[in-house]
Amino acid sequence: QVQLAESGGGSEQAGGSLTLSCAASGRTFSSYSMGWFRQAPGKEREFVAAFHMDVGKTYYATSIEGRFTISRDGAKNTVYLQMNSLKPEDTAVYYCALGFGTAKAMAIWADIDYWGQGTQVTVSS
């Protein structure tokens, strides 16, 4: 059974930084992508960033591009989200996702097979 273990959420002041991590386990992974989505209170879940783990291609939401960086450790089936210059509007529950498709597909909500339980990120002004 595939499991996604997220960590790294917490509280930070505006302008600060946080790093999230997500480790996948439960099977051998190939031709897959991992990424991050977020859901703010009262809003729908939205795409943040994705990484095609085999190819190394990344996709970002325009709202966070330049501030957030997604990276990987392929040997550990782990993806990271480095979040810099945090804003109060970044406050949300951040969900890790894994899919057996491309990062581009994940960015348009296609080929998403597994979700993590979510980790809270709170940014205060």
N, C-alpha and C. Protein backbone atom coordinates (compact mmCIF):
# COMPACT_ATOMS: atom_id res chain seq x y z
N GLN A 1 0.85 -1.19 0.00
CA GLN A 1 0.00 0.00 0.00
C GLN A 1 0.89 1.25 0.00
N VAL A 2 0.62 2.14 -0.91
CA VAL A 2 1.43 3.35 -1.02
C VAL A 2 1.07 4.31 0.12
N GLN A 3 2.09 4.84 0.73
CA GLN A 3 1.90 5.85 1.77
C GLN A 3 2.76 7.06 1.47
N LEU A 4 2.21 8.22 1.75
CA LEU A 4 2.94 9.47 1.60
C LEU A 4 3.06 10.10 2.97
N ALA A 5 4.27 10.27 3.43
CA ALA A 5 4.51 10.83 4.77
C ALA A 5 5.03 12.25 4.63
N GLU A 6 4.22 13.21 5.04
CA GLU A 6 4.58 14.62 4.95
C GLU A 6 5.14 15.11 6.27
N SER A 7 6.02 16.08 6.18
CA SER A 7 6.54 16.71 7.39
C SER A 7 7.03 18.11 7.05
N GLY A 8 7.23 18.92 8.08
CA GLY A 8 7.84 20.23 7.88
C GLY A 8 6.90 21.40 7.99
N GLY A 9 5.62 21.17 8.16
CA GLY A 9 4.71 22.30 8.29
C GLY A 9 4.92 23.01 9.62
N GLY A 10 4.25 24.14 9.78
CA GLY A 10 4.36 24.89 11.02
C GLY A 10 3.95 26.33 10.82
N SER A 11 4.37 27.16 11.76
CA SER A 11 4.04 28.58 11.73
C SER A 11 5.29 29.40 11.45
N GLU A 12 5.10 30.44 10.67
CA GLU A 12 6.23 31.30 10.32
C GLU A 12 5.67 32.71 10.10
N GLN A 13 6.53 33.68 10.27
CA GLN A 13 6.15 35.05 10.00
C GLN A 13 6.33 35.35 8.52
N ALA A 14 5.60 36.35 8.05
CA ALA A 14 5.72 36.78 6.66
C ALA A 14 7.17 37.13 6.36
N GLY A 15 7.62 36.68 5.19
CA GLY A 15 9.00 36.88 4.80
C GLY A 15 9.93 35.74 5.17
N GLY A 16 9.44 34.85 6.01
CA GLY A 16 10.25 33.73 6.45
C GLY A 16 10.22 32.57 5.48
N SER A 17 10.81 31.45 5.92
CA SER A 17 10.93 30.27 5.07
C SER A 17 10.53 29.01 5.82
N LEU A 18 10.01 28.07 5.09
CA LEU A 18 9.72 26.73 5.60
C LEU A 18 10.04 25.73 4.51
N THR A 19 10.38 24.51 4.91
CA THR A 19 10.61 23.43 3.96
C THR A 19 9.73 22.25 4.32
N LEU A 20 8.96 21.80 3.35
CA LEU A 20 8.13 20.62 3.50
C LEU A 20 8.82 19.44 2.83
N SER A 21 8.59 18.26 3.36
CA SER A 21 9.09 17.05 2.73
C SER A 21 7.99 16.02 2.66
N CYS A 22 8.10 15.15 1.68
CA CYS A 22 7.12 14.08 1.49
C CYS A 22 7.86 12.84 1.01
N ALA A 23 7.77 11.78 1.78
CA ALA A 23 8.42 10.53 1.43
C ALA A 23 7.38 9.49 1.04
N ALA A 24 7.57 8.86 -0.11
CA ALA A 24 6.67 7.83 -0.59
C ALA A 24 7.23 6.44 -0.28
N SER A 25 6.35 5.55 0.10
CA SER A 25 6.78 4.18 0.40
C SER A 25 5.67 3.22 0.05
N GLY A 26 5.99 1.93 0.03
CA GLY A 26 4.97 0.91 -0.17
C GLY A 26 5.08 0.12 -1.45
N ARG A 27 5.92 0.58 -2.37
CA ARG A 27 6.14 -0.17 -3.62
C ARG A 27 7.34 0.43 -4.32
N THR A 28 7.73 -0.19 -5.41
CA THR A 28 8.79 0.35 -6.25
C THR A 28 8.16 1.34 -7.23
N PHE A 29 8.76 2.53 -7.27
CA PHE A 29 8.20 3.58 -8.10
C PHE A 29 9.04 3.80 -9.35
N SER A 30 8.36 3.96 -10.48
CA SER A 30 9.01 4.34 -11.72
C SER A 30 8.00 5.10 -12.56
N SER A 31 8.52 5.95 -13.43
CA SER A 31 7.67 6.77 -14.30
C SER A 31 6.58 7.47 -13.48
N TYR A 32 7.00 8.24 -12.50
CA TYR A 32 6.04 8.87 -11.62
C TYR A 32 6.42 10.31 -11.32
N SER A 33 5.47 11.03 -10.84
CA SER A 33 5.66 12.40 -10.42
C SER A 33 5.16 12.57 -9.00
N MET A 34 5.77 13.50 -8.30
CA MET A 34 5.31 13.88 -6.96
C MET A 34 5.15 15.38 -6.92
N GLY A 35 4.20 15.83 -6.15
CA GLY A 35 3.97 17.26 -6.12
C GLY A 35 3.25 17.72 -4.87
N TRP A 36 2.95 19.01 -4.89
CA TRP A 36 2.29 19.64 -3.76
C TRP A 36 1.07 20.43 -4.22
N PHE A 37 0.02 20.31 -3.44
CA PHE A 37 -1.19 21.10 -3.60
C PHE A 37 -1.45 21.77 -2.26
N ARG A 38 -2.32 22.76 -2.25
CA ARG A 38 -2.67 23.38 -0.98
C ARG A 38 -4.13 23.79 -0.98
N GLN A 39 -4.69 23.86 0.22
CA GLN A 39 -6.08 24.26 0.38
C GLN A 39 -6.18 25.22 1.53
N ALA A 40 -6.54 26.45 1.21
CA ALA A 40 -6.73 27.49 2.22
C ALA A 40 -8.15 27.40 2.75
N PRO A 41 -8.39 27.93 3.94
CA PRO A 41 -9.74 27.89 4.51
C PRO A 41 -10.76 28.53 3.57
N GLY A 42 -11.83 27.79 3.32
CA GLY A 42 -12.90 28.30 2.48
C GLY A 42 -12.61 28.31 0.99
N LYS A 43 -11.49 27.75 0.61
CA LYS A 43 -11.12 27.73 -0.81
C LYS A 43 -10.92 26.31 -1.31
N GLU A 44 -10.90 26.16 -2.62
CA GLU A 44 -10.67 24.85 -3.20
C GLU A 44 -9.17 24.52 -3.19
N ARG A 45 -8.89 23.25 -3.23
CA ARG A 45 -7.51 22.81 -3.30
C ARG A 45 -6.91 23.26 -4.63
N GLU A 46 -5.66 23.72 -4.59
CA GLU A 46 -5.02 24.21 -5.80
C GLU A 46 -3.62 23.63 -5.95
N PHE A 47 -3.21 23.53 -7.18
CA PHE A 47 -1.88 23.03 -7.51
C PHE A 47 -0.81 24.04 -7.10
N VAL A 48 0.32 23.52 -6.58
CA VAL A 48 1.44 24.38 -6.20
C VAL A 48 2.67 24.07 -7.06
N ALA A 49 3.14 22.84 -7.03
CA ALA A 49 4.35 22.47 -7.77
C ALA A 49 4.40 20.97 -7.94
N ALA A 50 5.08 20.53 -8.99
CA ALA A 50 5.22 19.09 -9.24
C ALA A 50 6.59 18.80 -9.84
N PHE A 51 7.05 17.57 -9.61
CA PHE A 51 8.37 17.13 -10.07
C PHE A 51 8.21 15.77 -10.74
N HIS A 52 8.61 15.67 -12.00
CA HIS A 52 8.64 14.37 -12.67
C HIS A 52 9.92 13.68 -12.22
N MET A 53 9.78 12.69 -11.35
CA MET A 53 10.92 12.15 -10.62
C MET A 53 11.95 11.49 -11.52
N ASP A 54 11.52 10.86 -12.62
CA ASP A 54 12.46 10.18 -13.50
C ASP A 54 13.15 11.14 -14.46
N VAL A 55 12.41 12.12 -14.92
CA VAL A 55 12.90 13.01 -15.98
C VAL A 55 13.56 14.25 -15.41
N GLY A 56 13.08 14.69 -14.25
CA GLY A 56 13.64 15.88 -13.64
C GLY A 56 12.95 17.16 -14.04
N LYS A 57 11.79 17.06 -14.67
CA LYS A 57 11.08 18.26 -15.10
C LYS A 57 10.14 18.73 -14.00
N THR A 58 10.05 20.05 -13.85
CA THR A 58 9.22 20.63 -12.80
C THR A 58 8.16 21.55 -13.39
N TYR A 59 7.09 21.70 -12.64
CA TYR A 59 6.03 22.65 -12.99
C TYR A 59 5.65 23.41 -11.72
N TYR A 60 5.34 24.69 -11.89
CA TYR A 60 4.96 25.53 -10.76
C TYR A 60 3.68 26.31 -11.07
N ALA A 61 2.91 26.57 -10.03
CA ALA A 61 1.81 27.50 -10.16
C ALA A 61 2.39 28.91 -10.27
N THR A 62 1.76 29.75 -11.06
CA THR A 62 2.30 31.10 -11.26
C THR A 62 2.27 31.92 -9.97
N SER A 63 1.36 31.58 -9.07
CA SER A 63 1.22 32.35 -7.84
C SER A 63 2.41 32.20 -6.90
N ILE A 64 3.17 31.15 -7.05
CA ILE A 64 4.30 30.91 -6.15
C ILE A 64 5.64 30.87 -6.88
N GLU A 65 5.62 30.96 -8.18
CA GLU A 65 6.85 30.85 -8.94
C GLU A 65 7.83 31.95 -8.54
N GLY A 66 9.09 31.51 -8.32
CA GLY A 66 10.12 32.45 -7.88
C GLY A 66 10.29 32.47 -6.38
N ARG A 67 9.30 32.00 -5.65
CA ARG A 67 9.39 31.96 -4.19
C ARG A 67 9.53 30.54 -3.67
N PHE A 68 8.89 29.59 -4.33
CA PHE A 68 8.93 28.19 -3.91
C PHE A 68 9.79 27.39 -4.88
N THR A 69 10.48 26.40 -4.35
CA THR A 69 11.29 25.50 -5.17
C THR A 69 11.01 24.07 -4.77
N ILE A 70 10.70 23.25 -5.77
CA ILE A 70 10.50 21.83 -5.52
C ILE A 70 11.76 21.08 -5.91
N SER A 71 12.15 20.13 -5.10
CA SER A 71 13.34 19.33 -5.40
C SER A 71 13.07 17.89 -4.99
N ARG A 72 14.00 17.00 -5.32
CA ARG A 72 13.76 15.58 -5.08
C ARG A 72 15.01 14.90 -4.54
N ASP A 73 14.77 13.78 -3.92
CA ASP A 73 15.81 12.79 -3.63
C ASP A 73 15.25 11.48 -4.17
N GLY A 74 15.63 11.16 -5.39
CA GLY A 74 15.07 9.98 -6.05
C GLY A 74 15.35 8.68 -5.33
N ALA A 75 16.51 8.60 -4.72
CA ALA A 75 16.87 7.36 -4.02
C ALA A 75 15.95 7.12 -2.82
N LYS A 76 15.41 8.19 -2.29
CA LYS A 76 14.54 8.08 -1.12
C LYS A 76 13.07 8.27 -1.47
N ASN A 77 12.76 8.40 -2.77
CA ASN A 77 11.38 8.66 -3.20
C ASN A 77 10.78 9.82 -2.41
N THR A 78 11.57 10.86 -2.29
CA THR A 78 11.17 12.00 -1.47
C THR A 78 11.21 13.28 -2.29
N VAL A 79 10.23 14.12 -2.06
CA VAL A 79 10.17 15.42 -2.70
C VAL A 79 10.09 16.48 -1.61
N TYR A 80 10.71 17.61 -1.89
CA TYR A 80 10.76 18.71 -0.95
C TYR A 80 10.14 19.96 -1.57
N LEU A 81 9.61 20.82 -0.72
CA LEU A 81 9.12 22.12 -1.17
C LEU A 81 9.75 23.18 -0.27
N GLN A 82 10.71 23.90 -0.84
CA GLN A 82 11.33 25.00 -0.13
C GLN A 82 10.50 26.25 -0.38
N MET A 83 9.97 26.83 0.68
CA MET A 83 9.09 27.99 0.56
C MET A 83 9.78 29.20 1.18
N ASN A 84 10.09 30.17 0.34
CA ASN A 84 10.74 31.40 0.78
C ASN A 84 9.81 32.59 0.61
N SER A 85 10.16 33.68 1.26
CA SER A 85 9.37 34.92 1.16
C SER A 85 7.89 34.63 1.38
N LEU A 86 7.61 33.91 2.44
CA LEU A 86 6.24 33.50 2.72
C LEU A 86 5.33 34.70 2.93
N LYS A 87 4.08 34.54 2.49
CA LYS A 87 3.06 35.57 2.63
C LYS A 87 1.89 34.99 3.42
N PRO A 88 1.12 35.84 4.08
CA PRO A 88 -0.06 35.33 4.80
C PRO A 88 -0.99 34.53 3.90
N GLU A 89 -1.07 34.88 2.63
CA GLU A 89 -1.94 34.15 1.72
C GLU A 89 -1.40 32.75 1.37
N ASP A 90 -0.22 32.43 1.82
CA ASP A 90 0.30 31.07 1.66
C ASP A 90 -0.24 30.15 2.75
N THR A 91 -0.94 30.70 3.71
CA THR A 91 -1.52 29.89 4.78
C THR A 91 -2.51 28.89 4.20
N ALA A 92 -2.27 27.62 4.48
CA ALA A 92 -3.11 26.56 3.92
C ALA A 92 -2.66 25.22 4.49
N VAL A 93 -3.45 24.21 4.23
CA VAL A 93 -3.00 22.83 4.42
C VAL A 93 -2.35 22.41 3.12
N TYR A 94 -1.13 21.93 3.21
CA TYR A 94 -0.37 21.51 2.04
C TYR A 94 -0.41 19.99 1.94
N TYR A 95 -0.81 19.51 0.76
CA TYR A 95 -0.96 18.09 0.51
C TYR A 95 0.08 17.61 -0.50
N CYS A 96 0.70 16.50 -0.18
CA CYS A 96 1.59 15.84 -1.12
C CYS A 96 0.76 14.92 -2.02
N ALA A 97 1.17 14.83 -3.27
CA ALA A 97 0.48 13.96 -4.23
C ALA A 97 1.50 13.14 -5.00
N LEU A 98 1.08 11.96 -5.43
CA LEU A 98 1.92 11.09 -6.26
C LEU A 98 1.06 10.55 -7.39
N GLY A 99 1.61 10.58 -8.59
CA GLY A 99 0.88 10.05 -9.72
C GLY A 99 1.81 9.40 -10.72
N PHE A 100 1.28 8.42 -11.44
CA PHE A 100 2.09 7.70 -12.43
C PHE A 100 1.92 8.34 -13.79
N GLY A 101 2.32 9.59 -13.84
CA GLY A 101 2.28 10.37 -15.06
C GLY A 101 3.29 11.48 -14.97
N THR A 102 3.10 12.48 -15.79
CA THR A 102 4.06 13.58 -15.85
C THR A 102 3.72 14.67 -14.85
N ALA A 103 4.70 15.54 -14.61
CA ALA A 103 4.45 16.68 -13.74
C ALA A 103 3.44 17.62 -14.38
N LYS A 104 3.49 17.72 -15.70
CA LYS A 104 2.54 18.57 -16.41
C LYS A 104 1.12 18.06 -16.20
N ALA A 105 0.96 16.75 -16.24
CA ALA A 105 -0.37 16.17 -16.01
C ALA A 105 -0.84 16.47 -14.59
N MET A 106 0.05 16.34 -13.64
CA MET A 106 -0.32 16.62 -12.26
C MET A 106 -0.74 18.08 -12.11
N ALA A 107 -0.08 18.96 -12.82
CA ALA A 107 -0.41 20.38 -12.73
C ALA A 107 -1.83 20.68 -13.19
N ILE A 108 -2.37 19.86 -14.04
CA ILE A 108 -3.75 20.04 -14.51
C ILE A 108 -4.67 18.98 -13.90
N TRP A 109 -4.26 18.46 -12.76
CA TRP A 109 -5.08 17.54 -11.98
C TRP A 109 -5.34 16.23 -12.70
N ALA A 110 -4.42 15.81 -13.52
CA ALA A 110 -4.55 14.50 -14.17
C ALA A 110 -3.51 13.56 -13.59
N ASP A 111 -3.76 12.28 -13.65
CA ASP A 111 -2.81 11.26 -13.22
C ASP A 111 -2.36 11.46 -11.78
N ILE A 112 -3.27 11.72 -10.89
CA ILE A 112 -2.98 11.77 -9.46
C ILE A 112 -3.57 10.52 -8.83
N ASP A 113 -2.69 9.74 -8.24
CA ASP A 113 -3.12 8.44 -7.73
C ASP A 113 -3.19 8.36 -6.20
N TYR A 114 -2.34 9.13 -5.54
CA TYR A 114 -2.30 9.07 -4.08
C TYR A 114 -2.15 10.47 -3.50
N TRP A 115 -2.72 10.63 -2.30
CA TRP A 115 -2.61 11.89 -1.56
C TRP A 115 -2.05 11.62 -0.17
N GLY A 116 -1.30 12.59 0.33
CA GLY A 116 -0.91 12.56 1.72
C GLY A 116 -2.02 13.13 2.58
N GLN A 117 -1.81 13.11 3.88
CA GLN A 117 -2.84 13.56 4.81
C GLN A 117 -2.85 15.07 4.99
N GLY A 118 -1.78 15.72 4.58
CA GLY A 118 -1.73 17.17 4.67
C GLY A 118 -0.94 17.65 5.87
N THR A 119 -0.32 18.80 5.71
CA THR A 119 0.42 19.43 6.79
C THR A 119 0.10 20.93 6.78
N GLN A 120 -0.16 21.47 7.94
CA GLN A 120 -0.60 22.86 8.06
C GLN A 120 0.59 23.81 7.97
N VAL A 121 0.41 24.85 7.16
CA VAL A 121 1.37 25.95 7.10
C VAL A 121 0.61 27.23 7.43
N THR A 122 1.08 27.95 8.44
CA THR A 122 0.43 29.19 8.85
C THR A 122 1.45 30.32 8.80
N VAL A 123 1.12 31.37 8.05
CA VAL A 123 2.02 32.51 7.91
C VAL A 123 1.33 33.74 8.50
N SER A 124 1.97 34.33 9.47
CA SER A 124 1.39 35.49 10.13
C SER A 124 2.05 36.78 9.63
N SER A 125 1.26 37.83 9.64
CA SER A 125 1.76 39.12 9.13
C SER A 125 2.45 39.93 10.21
